[in-house]
Each structure stands twice: as C-alpha cells, then as structure tokens.
Amino acid sequence: MGKSPKFMVFHLKELIYTVVFVLLGIVLVISLIFMFCNRNSDEKKEKSSSGQYEAGVYTSCVTLNGNPMEVTVTLDSNHINSITVDNISDAITTMYPLVEPAFEDISKQIVDTQSVDNIKFSEESQYTYSLLYNAIVDTINKGKK
C-alpha cells in the first residue's frame, strides 16, 4: 500500500491563545521602538534649542512695610517678554510713590536690552530701584536654565 494520509488536529482554544500572544508581542516590540526613537529625538531637540531660559511665567513676592506685591516675568526660550507688578495695594502707592515709576523704568530697560546688566538707577531713589531690581533679577533667575 502507499502512504497513508496524516491528519493534524489543532484545538481552537490553543490557536486563539497563540494568535493573541503573537499580536501582543508585535505590539510590544513596536511600542518599544517608538518609545526609544521619540526619546532620542527629544534629546536632540533639547540640545538644538540652546535658549537661556525655560519658557513660562515666573513670579516672586516683595513686601514693603508689610504690604506684599507680586513681580511677574514672562520668558520664552531666548527673550524676556514682559515684566509686570501685580497686586500692588493703594497703601504702597501712597506710602512709596516712586515704586511704580521706578518699576516701569527698570522693566523697560531690561526688556529693551534683554539683559539685567548695566541698568541705570535714579540717584534720588536708589533704595527703591535696588529693591525692585533685586526682585526682578531673582524672578528672572527662576527661569534660567
């Protein structure tokens, strides 16, 4: 006689388990590849962006005679976009009338030159200028890389 046919019997349950595990393995391999490829591209972006600041809005609090006011600095990766003072009370503007003009003068100089160096202070209100200047510099330093 010749060759007798051979039959292979597969259980449907075993086939389903095998297919599911193969698909999970493929998904795992693909997700690992994408995960590590994205990390490398993020590291390259960080290295290529050589900005000196972390973009964001930074604040610090200054207290004058028990009255707080908030200095806010808005930065992007390479620029100081704006410097403002918030929550300034009427008591501060009444007791210290030079605070607002001094703050505007310092913030304009810093935003125009994009530097905290060589800021010119008014001779008649150096204490006010130095207090505000230090608060602004501290706030900008929070955003430096």
N, C-alpha and C. Protein backbone atom coordinates (compact mmCIF):
# COMPACT_ATOMS: atom_id res chain seq x y z
N MET A 1 0.83 -1.15 0.00
CA MET A 1 0.00 0.00 0.00
C MET A 1 0.88 1.23 0.00
N GLY A 2 0.33 2.32 -0.23
CA GLY A 2 1.09 3.56 -0.31
C GLY A 2 1.13 4.30 1.02
N LYS A 3 1.32 5.49 0.89
CA LYS A 3 1.40 6.35 2.07
C LYS A 3 -0.01 6.63 2.59
N SER A 4 -0.12 6.59 3.87
CA SER A 4 -1.43 6.91 4.45
C SER A 4 -1.44 8.40 4.82
N PRO A 5 -2.56 9.05 4.62
CA PRO A 5 -2.63 10.48 4.94
C PRO A 5 -2.48 10.72 6.45
N LYS A 6 -1.81 11.83 6.77
CA LYS A 6 -1.62 12.19 8.17
C LYS A 6 -2.49 13.42 8.47
N PHE A 7 -3.15 13.39 9.55
CA PHE A 7 -4.00 14.49 9.97
C PHE A 7 -3.41 15.16 11.21
N MET A 8 -3.50 16.45 11.22
CA MET A 8 -3.06 17.20 12.39
C MET A 8 -4.30 17.83 13.01
N VAL A 9 -4.42 17.70 14.28
CA VAL A 9 -5.58 18.23 14.98
C VAL A 9 -5.13 19.43 15.83
N PHE A 10 -5.75 20.56 15.61
CA PHE A 10 -5.49 21.76 16.39
C PHE A 10 -6.74 22.08 17.20
N HIS A 11 -6.50 22.43 18.40
CA HIS A 11 -7.62 22.87 19.23
C HIS A 11 -7.80 24.37 19.00
N LEU A 12 -9.02 24.79 18.81
CA LEU A 12 -9.31 26.19 18.52
C LEU A 12 -8.83 27.10 19.65
N LYS A 13 -8.96 26.67 20.87
CA LYS A 13 -8.55 27.44 22.02
C LYS A 13 -7.04 27.71 21.98
N GLU A 14 -6.24 26.72 21.62
CA GLU A 14 -4.79 26.89 21.53
C GLU A 14 -4.42 27.85 20.40
N LEU A 15 -5.12 27.79 19.29
CA LEU A 15 -4.86 28.70 18.17
C LEU A 15 -5.15 30.15 18.58
N ILE A 16 -6.24 30.36 19.25
CA ILE A 16 -6.59 31.72 19.67
C ILE A 16 -5.54 32.26 20.63
N TYR A 17 -5.12 31.45 21.62
CA TYR A 17 -4.08 31.90 22.55
C TYR A 17 -2.78 32.24 21.81
N THR A 18 -2.41 31.42 20.87
CA THR A 18 -1.17 31.64 20.12
C THR A 18 -1.24 32.94 19.33
N VAL A 19 -2.34 33.17 18.65
CA VAL A 19 -2.50 34.40 17.85
C VAL A 19 -2.49 35.62 18.75
N VAL A 20 -3.17 35.56 19.90
CA VAL A 20 -3.20 36.70 20.82
C VAL A 20 -1.81 37.00 21.35
N PHE A 21 -1.05 36.00 21.74
CA PHE A 21 0.30 36.23 22.26
C PHE A 21 1.24 36.75 21.17
N VAL A 22 1.11 36.28 19.95
CA VAL A 22 1.94 36.79 18.85
C VAL A 22 1.61 38.26 18.61
N LEU A 23 0.33 38.62 18.60
CA LEU A 23 -0.05 40.02 18.39
C LEU A 23 0.43 40.92 19.53
N LEU A 24 0.31 40.44 20.76
CA LEU A 24 0.83 41.21 21.89
C LEU A 24 2.34 41.41 21.80
N GLY A 25 3.05 40.39 21.38
CA GLY A 25 4.49 40.50 21.20
C GLY A 25 4.85 41.53 20.14
N ILE A 26 4.12 41.54 19.04
CA ILE A 26 4.38 42.52 17.97
C ILE A 26 4.09 43.93 18.46
N VAL A 27 2.98 44.12 19.16
CA VAL A 27 2.64 45.44 19.69
C VAL A 27 3.70 45.90 20.69
N LEU A 28 4.19 45.01 21.53
CA LEU A 28 5.22 45.36 22.50
C LEU A 28 6.50 45.81 21.80
N VAL A 29 6.92 45.08 20.80
CA VAL A 29 8.14 45.43 20.07
C VAL A 29 7.98 46.78 19.38
N ILE A 30 6.84 47.00 18.74
CA ILE A 30 6.61 48.28 18.04
C ILE A 30 6.58 49.44 19.04
N SER A 31 5.91 49.25 20.17
CA SER A 31 5.84 50.34 21.16
C SER A 31 7.21 50.65 21.75
N LEU A 32 8.04 49.64 21.97
CA LEU A 32 9.40 49.88 22.46
C LEU A 32 10.23 50.66 21.45
N ILE A 33 10.08 50.31 20.19
CA ILE A 33 10.82 51.03 19.14
C ILE A 33 10.42 52.50 19.11
N PHE A 34 9.10 52.77 19.13
CA PHE A 34 8.65 54.15 19.11
C PHE A 34 9.05 54.90 20.37
N MET A 35 9.01 54.24 21.49
CA MET A 35 9.35 54.89 22.75
C MET A 35 10.81 55.34 22.74
N PHE A 36 11.71 54.49 22.32
CA PHE A 36 13.11 54.86 22.32
C PHE A 36 13.47 55.81 21.19
N CYS A 37 12.79 55.73 20.07
CA CYS A 37 13.04 56.68 18.98
C CYS A 37 12.60 58.08 19.38
N ASN A 38 11.48 58.21 20.06
CA ASN A 38 10.99 59.52 20.49
C ASN A 38 11.90 60.12 21.54
N ARG A 39 12.47 59.33 22.42
CA ARG A 39 13.38 59.87 23.42
C ARG A 39 14.62 60.46 22.76
N ASN A 40 15.14 59.78 21.78
CA ASN A 40 16.33 60.29 21.10
C ASN A 40 16.01 61.59 20.38
N SER A 41 14.84 61.70 19.75
CA SER A 41 14.51 62.94 19.05
C SER A 41 14.26 64.06 20.04
N ASP A 42 13.70 63.77 21.24
CA ASP A 42 13.50 64.80 22.26
C ASP A 42 14.84 65.30 22.77
N GLU A 43 15.81 64.40 22.95
CA GLU A 43 17.13 64.81 23.41
C GLU A 43 17.80 65.68 22.36
N LYS A 44 17.63 65.36 21.09
CA LYS A 44 18.20 66.18 20.02
C LYS A 44 17.57 67.56 20.01
N LYS A 45 16.24 67.63 20.24
CA LYS A 45 15.58 68.94 20.27
C LYS A 45 16.09 69.77 21.43
N GLU A 46 16.30 69.14 22.59
CA GLU A 46 16.80 69.87 23.74
C GLU A 46 18.20 70.39 23.47
N LYS A 47 19.03 69.58 22.86
CA LYS A 47 20.40 70.02 22.57
C LYS A 47 20.40 71.13 21.52
N SER A 48 19.48 71.06 20.54
CA SER A 48 19.48 72.06 19.48
C SER A 48 18.91 73.39 19.97
N SER A 49 17.99 73.36 20.93
CA SER A 49 17.46 74.61 21.45
C SER A 49 18.36 75.09 22.57
N SER A 50 19.20 76.01 22.23
CA SER A 50 20.20 76.48 23.20
C SER A 50 19.73 77.76 23.87
N GLY A 51 18.43 77.85 24.16
CA GLY A 51 17.91 79.03 24.82
C GLY A 51 18.45 79.13 26.24
N GLN A 52 18.43 80.34 26.74
CA GLN A 52 18.97 80.54 28.08
C GLN A 52 17.90 80.50 29.15
N TYR A 53 16.61 80.48 28.75
CA TYR A 53 15.53 80.45 29.72
C TYR A 53 14.60 79.28 29.47
N GLU A 54 13.91 78.87 30.52
CA GLU A 54 12.79 77.94 30.40
C GLU A 54 11.56 78.81 30.18
N ALA A 55 10.85 78.60 29.09
CA ALA A 55 9.69 79.43 28.77
C ALA A 55 8.64 79.28 29.86
N GLY A 56 8.03 80.40 30.22
CA GLY A 56 6.99 80.37 31.23
C GLY A 56 6.81 81.71 31.91
N VAL A 57 5.92 81.72 32.88
CA VAL A 57 5.64 82.92 33.66
C VAL A 57 6.13 82.65 35.09
N TYR A 58 6.99 83.51 35.59
CA TYR A 58 7.59 83.33 36.89
C TYR A 58 7.22 84.52 37.79
N THR A 59 6.99 84.22 39.05
CA THR A 59 6.60 85.26 39.98
C THR A 59 7.43 85.20 41.26
N SER A 60 7.53 86.33 41.91
CA SER A 60 8.10 86.39 43.25
C SER A 60 7.42 87.54 43.99
N CYS A 61 7.47 87.44 45.28
CA CYS A 61 6.76 88.40 46.12
C CYS A 61 7.74 89.35 46.80
N VAL A 62 7.39 90.63 46.83
CA VAL A 62 8.19 91.65 47.50
C VAL A 62 7.28 92.28 48.55
N THR A 63 7.79 92.45 49.74
CA THR A 63 6.99 93.05 50.81
C THR A 63 7.60 94.39 51.18
N LEU A 64 6.77 95.43 51.11
CA LEU A 64 7.17 96.77 51.53
C LEU A 64 6.32 97.16 52.73
N ASN A 65 6.95 97.28 53.87
CA ASN A 65 6.27 97.69 55.10
C ASN A 65 5.03 96.82 55.38
N GLY A 66 5.17 95.53 55.18
CA GLY A 66 4.08 94.60 55.46
C GLY A 66 3.06 94.47 54.34
N ASN A 67 3.24 95.18 53.23
CA ASN A 67 2.31 95.12 52.10
C ASN A 67 2.96 94.37 50.94
N PRO A 68 2.42 93.22 50.58
CA PRO A 68 3.05 92.44 49.50
C PRO A 68 2.66 92.96 48.12
N MET A 69 3.58 92.77 47.20
CA MET A 69 3.29 92.98 45.78
C MET A 69 4.02 91.89 45.02
N GLU A 70 3.49 91.54 43.87
CA GLU A 70 3.98 90.38 43.13
C GLU A 70 4.66 90.83 41.84
N VAL A 71 5.89 90.41 41.64
CA VAL A 71 6.63 90.69 40.42
C VAL A 71 6.46 89.49 39.49
N THR A 72 6.01 89.75 38.26
CA THR A 72 5.76 88.69 37.29
C THR A 72 6.64 88.91 36.06
N VAL A 73 7.37 87.87 35.66
CA VAL A 73 8.24 87.94 34.49
C VAL A 73 7.80 86.85 33.52
N THR A 74 7.58 87.24 32.26
CA THR A 74 7.20 86.29 31.21
C THR A 74 8.40 86.08 30.31
N LEU A 75 8.82 84.80 30.19
CA LEU A 75 10.01 84.45 29.41
C LEU A 75 9.65 83.46 28.32
N ASP A 76 10.34 83.55 27.18
CA ASP A 76 10.37 82.44 26.25
C ASP A 76 11.80 81.92 26.24
N SER A 77 12.14 81.04 25.34
CA SER A 77 13.45 80.38 25.45
C SER A 77 14.64 81.32 25.32
N ASN A 78 14.47 82.44 24.63
CA ASN A 78 15.60 83.34 24.41
C ASN A 78 15.35 84.78 24.81
N HIS A 79 14.12 85.12 25.23
CA HIS A 79 13.79 86.53 25.45
C HIS A 79 13.04 86.74 26.76
N ILE A 80 13.22 87.93 27.29
CA ILE A 80 12.39 88.41 28.39
C ILE A 80 11.27 89.19 27.72
N ASN A 81 10.06 88.64 27.77
CA ASN A 81 8.95 89.26 27.04
C ASN A 81 8.31 90.41 27.80
N SER A 82 8.08 90.23 29.08
CA SER A 82 7.46 91.32 29.85
C SER A 82 7.78 91.15 31.33
N ILE A 83 7.76 92.30 32.01
CA ILE A 83 7.94 92.33 33.45
C ILE A 83 6.85 93.23 34.00
N THR A 84 6.03 92.70 34.89
CA THR A 84 4.93 93.48 35.45
C THR A 84 4.91 93.32 36.96
N VAL A 85 4.20 94.24 37.59
CA VAL A 85 3.97 94.16 39.03
C VAL A 85 2.47 94.01 39.21
N ASP A 86 2.08 93.03 40.04
CA ASP A 86 0.67 92.75 40.27
C ASP A 86 0.37 92.89 41.76
N ASN A 87 -0.90 93.01 42.06
CA ASN A 87 -1.39 93.07 43.45
C ASN A 87 -0.71 94.17 44.25
N ILE A 88 -0.50 95.29 43.61
CA ILE A 88 0.10 96.41 44.33
C ILE A 88 -1.04 97.18 45.02
N SER A 89 -0.92 97.33 46.30
CA SER A 89 -2.01 97.95 47.06
C SER A 89 -1.92 99.47 47.02
N ASP A 90 -3.03 100.09 47.39
CA ASP A 90 -3.05 101.56 47.46
C ASP A 90 -2.12 102.07 48.55
N ALA A 91 -1.93 101.26 49.58
CA ALA A 91 -1.02 101.66 50.66
C ALA A 91 0.40 101.82 50.13
N ILE A 92 0.82 100.91 49.26
CA ILE A 92 2.18 101.01 48.69
C ILE A 92 2.30 102.23 47.80
N THR A 93 1.31 102.44 46.92
CA THR A 93 1.40 103.59 46.01
C THR A 93 1.32 104.91 46.76
N THR A 94 0.63 104.93 47.92
CA THR A 94 0.55 106.16 48.72
C THR A 94 1.82 106.39 49.51
N MET A 95 2.30 105.33 50.19
CA MET A 95 3.48 105.49 51.04
C MET A 95 4.78 105.54 50.24
N TYR A 96 4.81 104.85 49.10
CA TYR A 96 6.01 104.82 48.26
C TYR A 96 5.62 105.24 46.84
N PRO A 97 5.51 106.54 46.58
CA PRO A 97 5.04 106.99 45.27
C PRO A 97 6.02 106.71 44.14
N LEU A 98 7.27 106.43 44.46
CA LEU A 98 8.26 106.19 43.40
C LEU A 98 8.33 104.72 42.98
N VAL A 99 7.57 103.84 43.61
CA VAL A 99 7.66 102.42 43.30
C VAL A 99 7.22 102.14 41.86
N GLU A 100 6.05 102.65 41.48
CA GLU A 100 5.56 102.35 40.13
C GLU A 100 6.43 102.95 39.02
N PRO A 101 6.81 104.23 39.10
CA PRO A 101 7.70 104.75 38.04
C PRO A 101 9.06 104.05 38.01
N ALA A 102 9.60 103.73 39.18
CA ALA A 102 10.89 103.03 39.22
C ALA A 102 10.76 101.64 38.61
N PHE A 103 9.68 100.96 38.93
CA PHE A 103 9.48 99.62 38.38
C PHE A 103 9.32 99.67 36.87
N GLU A 104 8.56 100.61 36.37
CA GLU A 104 8.38 100.75 34.92
C GLU A 104 9.69 101.06 34.23
N ASP A 105 10.50 101.92 34.84
CA ASP A 105 11.80 102.28 34.27
C ASP A 105 12.73 101.06 34.20
N ILE A 106 12.83 100.32 35.31
CA ILE A 106 13.71 99.14 35.34
C ILE A 106 13.22 98.08 34.35
N SER A 107 11.91 97.81 34.36
CA SER A 107 11.40 96.76 33.47
C SER A 107 11.58 97.14 32.01
N LYS A 108 11.40 98.42 31.68
CA LYS A 108 11.60 98.85 30.28
C LYS A 108 13.05 98.67 29.87
N GLN A 109 13.98 99.04 30.74
CA GLN A 109 15.40 98.88 30.42
C GLN A 109 15.76 97.41 30.21
N ILE A 110 15.26 96.54 31.08
CA ILE A 110 15.60 95.12 30.98
C ILE A 110 14.99 94.50 29.72
N VAL A 111 13.73 94.81 29.43
CA VAL A 111 13.08 94.23 28.25
C VAL A 111 13.74 94.78 26.97
N ASP A 112 14.09 96.06 26.96
CA ASP A 112 14.72 96.64 25.77
C ASP A 112 16.11 96.06 25.52
N THR A 113 16.93 95.91 26.57
CA THR A 113 18.29 95.42 26.39
C THR A 113 18.40 93.90 26.49
N GLN A 114 17.34 93.22 27.00
CA GLN A 114 17.34 91.78 27.22
C GLN A 114 18.48 91.35 28.13
N SER A 115 18.81 92.23 29.07
CA SER A 115 19.89 91.95 30.00
C SER A 115 19.61 92.66 31.32
N VAL A 116 20.09 92.07 32.40
CA VAL A 116 19.95 92.71 33.71
C VAL A 116 21.21 93.48 34.08
N ASP A 117 22.16 93.53 33.17
CA ASP A 117 23.40 94.26 33.41
C ASP A 117 23.26 95.70 32.94
N ASN A 118 24.02 96.58 33.54
CA ASN A 118 24.10 97.99 33.16
C ASN A 118 22.75 98.70 33.21
N ILE A 119 21.98 98.45 34.24
CA ILE A 119 20.71 99.14 34.43
C ILE A 119 21.00 100.45 35.16
N LYS A 120 20.46 101.55 34.65
CA LYS A 120 20.71 102.86 35.24
C LYS A 120 19.65 103.15 36.29
N PHE A 121 20.10 103.51 37.49
CA PHE A 121 19.20 103.85 38.60
C PHE A 121 19.14 105.36 38.74
N SER A 122 18.01 105.83 39.20
CA SER A 122 17.88 107.25 39.52
C SER A 122 18.62 107.51 40.82
N GLU A 123 19.35 108.62 40.89
CA GLU A 123 20.14 108.94 42.07
C GLU A 123 19.27 109.23 43.29
N GLU A 124 18.11 109.79 43.08
CA GLU A 124 17.28 110.20 44.22
C GLU A 124 16.49 109.07 44.85
N SER A 125 16.38 107.92 44.17
CA SER A 125 15.61 106.82 44.76
C SER A 125 16.33 105.49 44.55
N GLN A 126 17.58 105.45 44.95
CA GLN A 126 18.38 104.25 44.74
C GLN A 126 17.90 103.06 45.57
N TYR A 127 17.39 103.30 46.77
CA TYR A 127 16.90 102.19 47.60
C TYR A 127 15.72 101.50 46.91
N THR A 128 14.79 102.30 46.42
CA THR A 128 13.61 101.74 45.73
C THR A 128 14.05 100.98 44.49
N TYR A 129 14.94 101.56 43.70
CA TYR A 129 15.43 100.91 42.49
C TYR A 129 16.13 99.59 42.82
N SER A 130 17.00 99.62 43.83
CA SER A 130 17.75 98.40 44.13
C SER A 130 16.83 97.30 44.67
N LEU A 131 15.82 97.65 45.45
CA LEU A 131 14.87 96.68 45.96
C LEU A 131 14.10 96.02 44.81
N LEU A 132 13.59 96.84 43.92
CA LEU A 132 12.83 96.31 42.77
C LEU A 132 13.74 95.55 41.81
N TYR A 133 14.93 96.08 41.58
CA TYR A 133 15.88 95.41 40.68
C TYR A 133 16.22 94.01 41.19
N ASN A 134 16.49 93.88 42.49
CA ASN A 134 16.81 92.57 43.06
C ASN A 134 15.64 91.60 42.94
N ALA A 135 14.42 92.09 43.13
CA ALA A 135 13.24 91.23 42.99
C ALA A 135 13.09 90.76 41.55
N ILE A 136 13.33 91.64 40.60
CA ILE A 136 13.22 91.27 39.18
C ILE A 136 14.30 90.27 38.81
N VAL A 137 15.53 90.51 39.25
CA VAL A 137 16.63 89.59 38.95
C VAL A 137 16.37 88.21 39.55
N ASP A 138 15.87 88.17 40.78
CA ASP A 138 15.55 86.88 41.40
C ASP A 138 14.48 86.14 40.61
N THR A 139 13.49 86.87 40.13
CA THR A 139 12.42 86.25 39.35
C THR A 139 12.94 85.73 38.02
N ILE A 140 13.79 86.50 37.37
CA ILE A 140 14.38 86.04 36.09
C ILE A 140 15.25 84.83 36.30
N ASN A 141 15.99 84.80 37.41
CA ASN A 141 16.86 83.66 37.70
C ASN A 141 16.08 82.38 37.92
N LYS A 142 14.82 82.48 38.33
CA LYS A 142 13.98 81.29 38.47
C LYS A 142 13.77 80.62 37.11
N GLY A 143 13.77 81.41 36.05
CA GLY A 143 13.52 80.87 34.72
C GLY A 143 14.77 80.53 33.93
N LYS A 144 15.95 80.76 34.48
CA LYS A 144 17.18 80.42 33.76
C LYS A 144 17.41 78.93 33.76
N LYS A 145 18.02 78.46 32.69
CA LYS A 145 18.35 77.02 32.60
C LYS A 145 19.57 76.72 33.41
